[in-house]
Amino acid sequence: MAGKIRILIARLGLDAHWRGSIVVARALRDAGVEVIYVGNQRPEAIVKAAVEENVDFVGLSTLSGNHMELVPEVVRLMREAGIPEIPVLLGGTIPPDDVPKLKEIGIDGIFGPGTALKDIVSHVSKRA
């Protein structure tokens, strides 16, 4: 990837939490990553924005338990849109039993509550 790393960050569906996604967005911004923050979005809007913004990563955030429905939908729509190579990161409360299933569908990184911000920034930097 040439130039500045670009990441789209979205909260999945109607998930009302916001603090974690904002904190991660700020940490990435402070590390020199260009952050496109779109707030609450459905999978179709997330993928459309990822294509339009030509991002290097898609970061999804959830606390509402919708991850096993909406994350696979985002991945499917990314394939259909011709952008399956863009790494997808997921943050939020993800039960340990769901982690292998999400990795199997191609989620590049999963970050739960308490993950150090430097670890997220490092993951993005190493993958770029």
C-alpha atoms as a PDB file:
ATOM      1  CA  MET A   1       0.000   0.000   0.000  1.00  0.00           C
ATOM      2  CA  ALA A   2       1.413   3.302  -1.050  1.00  0.00           C
ATOM      3  CA  GLY A   3       0.701   6.425   0.958  1.00  0.00           C
ATOM      4  CA  LYS A   4      -1.386   6.844   4.044  1.00  0.00           C
ATOM      5  CA  ILE A   5      -3.330   3.847   5.385  1.00  0.00           C
ATOM      6  CA  ARG A   6      -7.104   4.383   5.091  1.00  0.00           C
ATOM      7  CA  ILE A   7      -9.613   2.583   7.305  1.00  0.00           C
ATOM      8  CA  LEU A   8     -13.394   2.728   7.322  1.00  0.00           C
ATOM      9  CA  ILE A   9     -14.867   2.312  10.803  1.00  0.00           C
ATOM     10  CA  ALA A  10     -18.556   1.501  11.249  1.00  0.00           C
ATOM     11  CA  ARG A  11     -20.852   0.336  13.984  1.00  0.00           C
ATOM     12  CA  LEU A  12     -22.938  -2.605  12.825  1.00  0.00           C
ATOM     13  CA  GLY A  13     -26.643  -2.083  12.384  1.00  0.00           C
ATOM     14  CA  LEU A  14     -28.493  -0.272  15.135  1.00  0.00           C
ATOM     15  CA  ASP A  15     -25.845  -0.917  17.775  1.00  0.00           C
ATOM     16  CA  ALA A  16     -26.168   2.055  20.134  1.00  0.00           C
ATOM     17  CA  HIS A  17     -22.698   1.939  21.700  1.00  0.00           C
ATOM     18  CA  TRP A  18     -20.192   4.432  20.390  1.00  0.00           C
ATOM     19  CA  ARG A  19     -17.343   4.901  22.813  1.00  0.00           C
ATOM     20  CA  GLY A  20     -15.152   1.975  21.722  1.00  0.00           C
ATOM     21  CA  SER A  21     -15.352   2.812  18.029  1.00  0.00           C
ATOM     22  CA  ILE A  22     -14.542   6.481  18.687  1.00  0.00           C
ATOM     23  CA  VAL A  23     -11.588   5.624  20.945  1.00  0.00           C
ATOM     24  CA  VAL A  24     -10.155   3.220  18.353  1.00  0.00           C
ATOM     25  CA  ALA A  25     -10.734   5.741  15.543  1.00  0.00           C
ATOM     26  CA  ARG A  26      -8.857   8.412  17.495  1.00  0.00           C
ATOM     27  CA  ALA A  27      -5.968   6.080  18.320  1.00  0.00           C
ATOM     28  CA  LEU A  28      -5.604   5.145  14.662  1.00  0.00           C
ATOM     29  CA  ARG A  29      -5.861   8.789  13.585  1.00  0.00           C
ATOM     30  CA  ASP A  30      -3.205   9.782  16.121  1.00  0.00           C
ATOM     31  CA  ALA A  31      -0.970   7.049  14.675  1.00  0.00           C
ATOM     32  CA  GLY A  32      -1.258   8.609  11.209  1.00  0.00           C
ATOM     33  CA  VAL A  33      -4.015   6.436   9.766  1.00  0.00           C
ATOM     34  CA  GLU A  34      -6.716   8.194   7.754  1.00  0.00           C
ATOM     35  CA  VAL A  35     -10.013   7.237   9.391  1.00  0.00           C
ATOM     36  CA  ILE A  36     -13.358   7.376   7.621  1.00  0.00           C
ATOM     37  CA  TYR A  37     -15.925   7.079  10.420  1.00  0.00           C
ATOM     38  CA  VAL A  38     -19.467   6.348   9.255  1.00  0.00           C
ATOM     39  CA  GLY A  39     -21.222   5.541  12.535  1.00  0.00           C
ATOM     40  CA  ASN A  40     -24.169   3.130  12.548  1.00  0.00           C
ATOM     41  CA  GLN A  41     -24.635   1.432   9.193  1.00  0.00           C
ATOM     42  CA  ARG A  42     -26.153  -1.656   7.621  1.00  0.00           C
ATOM     43  CA  PRO A  43     -23.827  -4.012   5.701  1.00  0.00           C
ATOM     44  CA  GLU A  44     -24.830  -2.620   2.294  1.00  0.00           C
ATOM     45  CA  ALA A  45     -23.891   0.928   3.275  1.00  0.00           C
ATOM     46  CA  ILE A  46     -20.617  -0.205   4.835  1.00  0.00           C
ATOM     47  CA  VAL A  47     -19.513  -1.978   1.660  1.00  0.00           C
ATOM     48  CA  LYS A  48     -20.648   0.905  -0.554  1.00  0.00           C
ATOM     49  CA  ALA A  49     -18.599   3.331   1.555  1.00  0.00           C
ATOM     50  CA  ALA A  50     -15.559   1.012   1.498  1.00  0.00           C
ATOM     51  CA  VAL A  51     -15.674   0.953  -2.313  1.00  0.00           C
ATOM     52  CA  GLU A  52     -16.284   4.699  -2.665  1.00  0.00           C
ATOM     53  CA  GLU A  53     -13.569   5.624  -0.174  1.00  0.00           C
ATOM     54  CA  ASN A  54     -11.033   3.130  -1.567  1.00  0.00           C
ATOM     55  CA  VAL A  55     -10.015   1.985   1.916  1.00  0.00           C
ATOM     56  CA  ASP A  56      -7.261  -0.400   2.945  1.00  0.00           C
ATOM     57  CA  PHE A  57      -9.209  -1.814   5.924  1.00  0.00           C
ATOM     58  CA  VAL A  58     -12.773  -2.107   7.143  1.00  0.00           C
ATOM     59  CA  GLY A  59     -13.234  -1.928  10.909  1.00  0.00           C
ATOM     60  CA  LEU A  60     -16.527  -3.101  12.369  1.00  0.00           C
ATOM     61  CA  SER A  61     -17.701  -2.540  15.920  1.00  0.00           C
ATOM     62  CA  THR A  62     -20.491  -4.281  17.807  1.00  0.00           C
ATOM     63  CA  LEU A  63     -21.707  -4.855  21.320  1.00  0.00           C
ATOM     64  CA  SER A  64     -25.253  -5.951  20.543  1.00  0.00           C
ATOM     65  CA  GLY A  65     -24.739  -9.599  19.622  1.00  0.00           C
ATOM     66  CA  ASN A  66     -25.468  -9.107  15.916  1.00  0.00           C
ATOM     67  CA  HIS A  67     -21.994 -10.119  14.762  1.00  0.00           C
ATOM     68  CA  MET A  68     -22.852 -13.637  13.556  1.00  0.00           C
ATOM     69  CA  GLU A  69     -25.537 -12.249  11.260  1.00  0.00           C
ATOM     70  CA  LEU A  70     -24.131  -8.931  10.058  1.00  0.00           C
ATOM     71  CA  VAL A  71     -20.382  -9.631   9.821  1.00  0.00           C
ATOM     72  CA  PRO A  72     -20.815 -12.548   7.365  1.00  0.00           C
ATOM     73  CA  GLU A  73     -23.149 -10.321   5.363  1.00  0.00           C
ATOM     74  CA  VAL A  74     -20.472  -7.607   5.133  1.00  0.00           C
ATOM     75  CA  VAL A  75     -17.914 -10.193   3.998  1.00  0.00           C
ATOM     76  CA  ARG A  76     -20.329 -11.623   1.396  1.00  0.00           C
ATOM     77  CA  LEU A  77     -21.139  -8.185   0.022  1.00  0.00           C
ATOM     78  CA  MET A  78     -17.442  -7.284  -0.135  1.00  0.00           C
ATOM     79  CA  ARG A  79     -16.847 -10.380  -2.284  1.00  0.00           C
ATOM     80  CA  GLU A  80     -19.739  -9.416  -4.542  1.00  0.00           C
ATOM     81  CA  ALA A  81     -18.369  -5.870  -4.829  1.00  0.00           C
ATOM     82  CA  GLY A  82     -14.967  -7.202  -5.900  1.00  0.00           C
ATOM     83  CA  ILE A  83     -13.093  -6.175  -2.756  1.00  0.00           C
ATOM     84  CA  PRO A  84     -12.560  -9.454  -0.884  1.00  0.00           C
ATOM     85  CA  GLU A  85      -8.880  -8.646  -0.332  1.00  0.00           C
ATOM     86  CA  ILE A  86      -9.579  -5.746   2.045  1.00  0.00           C
ATOM     87  CA  PRO A  87      -8.922  -6.956   5.598  1.00  0.00           C
ATOM     88  CA  VAL A  88     -11.887  -6.744   7.966  1.00  0.00           C
ATOM     89  CA  LEU A  89     -11.283  -6.047  11.638  1.00  0.00           C
ATOM     90  CA  LEU A  90     -13.916  -6.615  14.310  1.00  0.00           C
ATOM     91  CA  GLY A  91     -14.151  -5.071  17.743  1.00  0.00           C
ATOM     92  CA  GLY A  92     -16.623  -5.581  20.541  1.00  0.00           C
ATOM     93  CA  THR A  93     -17.990  -8.267  22.793  1.00  0.00           C
ATOM     94  CA  ILE A  94     -17.425 -11.426  20.795  1.00  0.00           C
ATOM     95  CA  PRO A  95     -17.962 -14.732  22.616  1.00  0.00           C
ATOM     96  CA  PRO A  96     -14.867 -16.958  22.423  1.00  0.00           C
ATOM     97  CA  ASP A  97     -16.858 -19.707  20.655  1.00  0.00           C
ATOM     98  CA  ASP A  98     -17.608 -17.312  17.783  1.00  0.00           C
ATOM     99  CA  VAL A  99     -13.997 -16.271  17.153  1.00  0.00           C
ATOM    100  CA  PRO A 100     -12.983 -19.364  15.105  1.00  0.00           C
ATOM    101  CA  LYS A 101     -16.148 -19.080  12.982  1.00  0.00           C
ATOM    102  CA  LEU A 102     -15.443 -15.426  12.257  1.00  0.00           C
ATOM    103  CA  LYS A 103     -11.796 -16.116  11.417  1.00  0.00           C
ATOM    104  CA  GLU A 104     -12.960 -18.907   9.096  1.00  0.00           C
ATOM    105  CA  ILE A 105     -15.021 -16.473   7.029  1.00  0.00           C
ATOM    106  CA  GLY A 106     -11.995 -14.208   6.723  1.00  0.00           C
ATOM    107  CA  ILE A 107     -12.036 -11.727   9.599  1.00  0.00           C
ATOM    108  CA  ASP A 108      -8.439 -10.531   9.877  1.00  0.00           C
ATOM    109  CA  GLY A 109      -8.418  -9.397  13.497  1.00  0.00           C
ATOM    110  CA  ILE A 110     -10.808  -9.592  16.428  1.00  0.00           C
ATOM    111  CA  PHE A 111     -10.356  -7.212  19.345  1.00  0.00           C
ATOM    112  CA  GLY A 112     -12.406  -7.536  22.492  1.00  0.00           C
ATOM    113  CA  PRO A 113     -12.949  -5.193  25.424  1.00  0.00           C
ATOM    114  CA  GLY A 114      -9.699  -4.293  27.117  1.00  0.00           C
ATOM    115  CA  THR A 115      -7.522  -4.724  24.036  1.00  0.00           C
ATOM    116  CA  ALA A 116      -4.659  -2.254  24.228  1.00  0.00           C
ATOM    117  CA  LEU A 117      -4.972   0.460  21.600  1.00  0.00           C
ATOM    118  CA  LYS A 118      -1.315  -0.005  20.694  1.00  0.00           C
ATOM    119  CA  ASP A 119      -2.116  -3.619  19.745  1.00  0.00           C
ATOM    120  CA  ILE A 120      -4.828  -2.505  17.318  1.00  0.00           C
ATOM    121  CA  VAL A 121      -2.585   0.175  15.815  1.00  0.00           C
ATOM    122  CA  SER A 122       0.249  -2.350  15.531  1.00  0.00           C
ATOM    123  CA  HIS A 123      -2.015  -4.880  13.798  1.00  0.00           C
ATOM    124  CA  VAL A 124      -3.101  -2.311  11.208  1.00  0.00           C
ATOM    125  CA  SER A 125       0.466  -1.073  10.676  1.00  0.00           C
ATOM    126  CA  LYS A 126       1.871  -4.589  10.199  1.00  0.00           C
ATOM    127  CA  ARG A 127      -0.847  -5.558   7.690  1.00  0.00           C
ATOM    128  CA  ALA A 128      -0.433  -2.382   5.616  1.00  0.00           C
END
